[in-house]
Every structure is written in C-alpha cells, then in structure tokens.
Amino acid sequence: MKPTIKARVQNTYHRDGTVSYFNVFNQSWERKAATGISHNVLASFKPEERLRVQSLATGHTVAELREIRADAHANDALDRREYAAMSQAERDAHNNL
C-alpha cells in the first residue's frame, strides 16, 4: 500500500485542542496548541482556517466568532462616522485620552 501525502493546505484539528499545520516559514509540519500558534503563522492560513483555530483557542463556535467580528466591524464603522463628525477641537481632545 502506497502512503498518502497530505496536501500542505490541510490542517488537522485534534480533540486535545492541538492543530497540525504546515508552517510556511519553516517549511515543515508542526503540531501545537491552538493558543500557541504565532500570529505570523495564523496570517498564512486561509480565513476559514484562522476562524477554526480561533474557535479552538477561545472555546467559541465559528458562528459565534463570525457574529463577534460582525459586531466589532459595525461598532468600528460607527466610531469612524462619529469621529468624522467631530470638530477639530473634539478630535484633539479625543486623541489625547
């Protein structure tokens, strides 16, 4: 029987909270706790893979993380609109907080 070689893009999520992934910087496979994967390595993952790792690390479901992210984007857009409506004096006071 011929051994199968796993494609570099396929992460494996283990029951113990670890993730096996291909580290593009070291060009090797690694297995680490979801909380121990560096931000540089996470940035090399596809968006769905990042969400899944964050789900393992935080204990939230992927759907919950999507909702949290959507709420944060909505609040950020609101903050930008409020900031744009401020006078220059109000902006200066806000930036000096």
C-alpha atoms as a PDB file:
ATOM      1  CA  MET A   1       0.000   0.000   0.000  1.00  0.00           C
ATOM      2  CA  LYS A   2       1.362   3.389  -1.016  1.00  0.00           C
ATOM      3  CA  PRO A   3       1.487   6.006   1.779  1.00  0.00           C
ATOM      4  CA  THR A   4      -0.586   9.109   1.211  1.00  0.00           C
ATOM      5  CA  ILE A   5       0.992  12.504   1.415  1.00  0.00           C
ATOM      6  CA  LYS A   6      -1.146  15.193   2.913  1.00  0.00           C
ATOM      7  CA  ALA A   7      -1.517  18.407   0.972  1.00  0.00           C
ATOM      8  CA  ARG A   8       0.112  21.422   2.644  1.00  0.00           C
ATOM      9  CA  VAL A   9      -3.213  23.224   2.868  1.00  0.00           C
ATOM     10  CA  GLN A  10      -4.956  20.649   5.052  1.00  0.00           C
ATOM     11  CA  ASN A  11      -4.847  21.360   8.766  1.00  0.00           C
ATOM     12  CA  THR A  12      -5.846  18.668  11.240  1.00  0.00           C
ATOM     13  CA  TYR A  13      -7.752  19.600  14.380  1.00  0.00           C
ATOM     14  CA  HIS A  14      -7.232  17.218  17.268  1.00  0.00           C
ATOM     15  CA  ARG A  15      -9.552  16.526  20.213  1.00  0.00           C
ATOM     16  CA  ASP A  16      -6.922  17.673  22.696  1.00  0.00           C
ATOM     17  CA  GLY A  17      -7.058  21.233  21.279  1.00  0.00           C
ATOM     18  CA  THR A  18      -3.930  20.972  19.181  1.00  0.00           C
ATOM     19  CA  VAL A  19      -3.637  21.692  15.466  1.00  0.00           C
ATOM     20  CA  SER A  20      -1.344  20.037  12.934  1.00  0.00           C
ATOM     21  CA  TYR A  21      -0.458  22.514  10.211  1.00  0.00           C
ATOM     22  CA  PHE A  22       2.197  23.259   7.637  1.00  0.00           C
ATOM     23  CA  ASN A  23       4.387  26.148   8.780  1.00  0.00           C
ATOM     24  CA  VAL A  24       5.210  28.095   5.623  1.00  0.00           C
ATOM     25  CA  PHE A  25       8.118  29.854   7.325  1.00  0.00           C
ATOM     26  CA  ASN A  26       9.906  26.687   8.486  1.00  0.00           C
ATOM     27  CA  GLN A  27       8.619  24.601   5.562  1.00  0.00           C
ATOM     28  CA  SER A  28       7.676  21.797   7.923  1.00  0.00           C
ATOM     29  CA  TRP A  29       4.662  20.266   9.638  1.00  0.00           C
ATOM     30  CA  GLU A  30       4.060  21.277  13.256  1.00  0.00           C
ATOM     31  CA  ARG A  31       1.576  20.304  15.939  1.00  0.00           C
ATOM     32  CA  LYS A  32       0.824  22.920  18.575  1.00  0.00           C
ATOM     33  CA  ALA A  33      -1.929  24.002  20.902  1.00  0.00           C
ATOM     34  CA  ALA A  34      -4.322  26.382  19.152  1.00  0.00           C
ATOM     35  CA  THR A  35      -3.322  29.103  21.624  1.00  0.00           C
ATOM     36  CA  GLY A  36       0.379  28.614  20.823  1.00  0.00           C
ATOM     37  CA  ILE A  37       0.293  29.292  17.086  1.00  0.00           C
ATOM     38  CA  SER A  38       2.005  32.584  16.287  1.00  0.00           C
ATOM     39  CA  HIS A  39       0.180  35.427  14.591  1.00  0.00           C
ATOM     40  CA  ASN A  40       2.565  35.232  11.625  1.00  0.00           C
ATOM     41  CA  VAL A  41       1.663  31.602  11.015  1.00  0.00           C
ATOM     42  CA  LEU A  42      -2.062  32.298  11.512  1.00  0.00           C
ATOM     43  CA  ALA A  43      -1.820  35.048   8.900  1.00  0.00           C
ATOM     44  CA  SER A  44      -0.655  32.444   6.382  1.00  0.00           C
ATOM     45  CA  PHE A  45      -3.840  30.381   6.901  1.00  0.00           C
ATOM     46  CA  LYS A  46      -6.983  30.805   4.849  1.00  0.00           C
ATOM     47  CA  PRO A  47      -9.678  32.887   6.631  1.00  0.00           C
ATOM     48  CA  GLU A  48     -11.819  29.838   7.419  1.00  0.00           C
ATOM     49  CA  GLU A  49      -8.801  28.014   8.876  1.00  0.00           C
ATOM     50  CA  ARG A  50      -7.988  31.036  11.081  1.00  0.00           C
ATOM     51  CA  LEU A  51     -11.562  31.081  12.372  1.00  0.00           C
ATOM     52  CA  ARG A  52     -11.401  27.400  13.205  1.00  0.00           C
ATOM     53  CA  VAL A  53      -8.117  27.807  15.110  1.00  0.00           C
ATOM     54  CA  GLN A  54      -9.548  30.810  16.984  1.00  0.00           C
ATOM     55  CA  SER A  55     -12.595  28.705  17.785  1.00  0.00           C
ATOM     56  CA  LEU A  56     -10.394  26.046  19.371  1.00  0.00           C
ATOM     57  CA  ALA A  57      -8.344  28.639  21.233  1.00  0.00           C
ATOM     58  CA  THR A  58     -11.279  30.618  22.661  1.00  0.00           C
ATOM     59  CA  GLY A  59     -13.951  27.976  23.129  1.00  0.00           C
ATOM     60  CA  HIS A  60     -16.389  29.920  20.924  1.00  0.00           C
ATOM     61  CA  THR A  61     -18.040  28.306  17.931  1.00  0.00           C
ATOM     62  CA  VAL A  62     -17.132  29.547  14.465  1.00  0.00           C
ATOM     63  CA  ALA A  63     -20.641  31.057  14.168  1.00  0.00           C
ATOM     64  CA  GLU A  64     -20.150  32.971  17.440  1.00  0.00           C
ATOM     65  CA  LEU A  65     -16.794  34.297  16.237  1.00  0.00           C
ATOM     66  CA  ARG A  66     -18.368  35.475  12.981  1.00  0.00           C
ATOM     67  CA  GLU A  67     -21.063  37.312  14.960  1.00  0.00           C
ATOM     68  CA  ILE A  68     -18.479  38.890  17.287  1.00  0.00           C
ATOM     69  CA  ARG A  69     -16.435  40.013  14.284  1.00  0.00           C
ATOM     70  CA  ALA A  70     -19.515  41.475  12.544  1.00  0.00           C
ATOM     71  CA  ASP A  71     -20.449  43.406  15.704  1.00  0.00           C
ATOM     72  CA  ALA A  72     -16.893  44.744  16.020  1.00  0.00           C
ATOM     73  CA  HIS A  73     -16.905  45.916  12.391  1.00  0.00           C
ATOM     74  CA  ALA A  74     -20.272  47.623  12.878  1.00  0.00           C
ATOM     75  CA  ASN A  75     -19.028  49.400  16.015  1.00  0.00           C
ATOM     76  CA  ASP A  76     -15.813  50.414  14.255  1.00  0.00           C
ATOM     77  CA  ALA A  77     -17.770  51.917  11.345  1.00  0.00           C
ATOM     78  CA  LEU A  78     -19.966  53.819  13.805  1.00  0.00           C
ATOM     79  CA  ASP A  79     -16.898  55.118  15.640  1.00  0.00           C
ATOM     80  CA  ARG A  80     -15.394  56.332  12.356  1.00  0.00           C
ATOM     81  CA  ARG A  81     -18.611  58.196  11.471  1.00  0.00           C
ATOM     82  CA  GLU A  82     -18.761  59.772  14.929  1.00  0.00           C
ATOM     83  CA  TYR A  83     -15.096  60.753  14.693  1.00  0.00           C
ATOM     84  CA  ALA A  84     -15.621  62.301  11.254  1.00  0.00           C
ATOM     85  CA  ALA A  85     -18.494  64.401  12.634  1.00  0.00           C
ATOM     86  CA  MET A  86     -16.352  65.830  15.470  1.00  0.00           C
ATOM     87  CA  SER A  87     -14.880  69.305  15.344  1.00  0.00           C
ATOM     88  CA  GLN A  88     -11.085  69.613  15.273  1.00  0.00           C
ATOM     89  CA  ALA A  89     -11.028  70.575  18.979  1.00  0.00           C
ATOM     90  CA  GLU A  90     -13.077  67.477  19.867  1.00  0.00           C
ATOM     91  CA  ARG A  91     -10.759  65.287  17.776  1.00  0.00           C
ATOM     92  CA  ASP A  92      -7.702  66.705  19.536  1.00  0.00           C
ATOM     93  CA  ALA A  93      -9.279  66.023  22.939  1.00  0.00           C
ATOM     94  CA  HIS A  94     -10.283  62.503  21.836  1.00  0.00           C
ATOM     95  CA  ASN A  95      -6.762  61.687  20.571  1.00  0.00           C
ATOM     96  CA  ASN A  96      -5.190  62.849  23.830  1.00  0.00           C
ATOM     97  CA  LEU A  97      -7.174  60.419  26.001  1.00  0.00           C
END
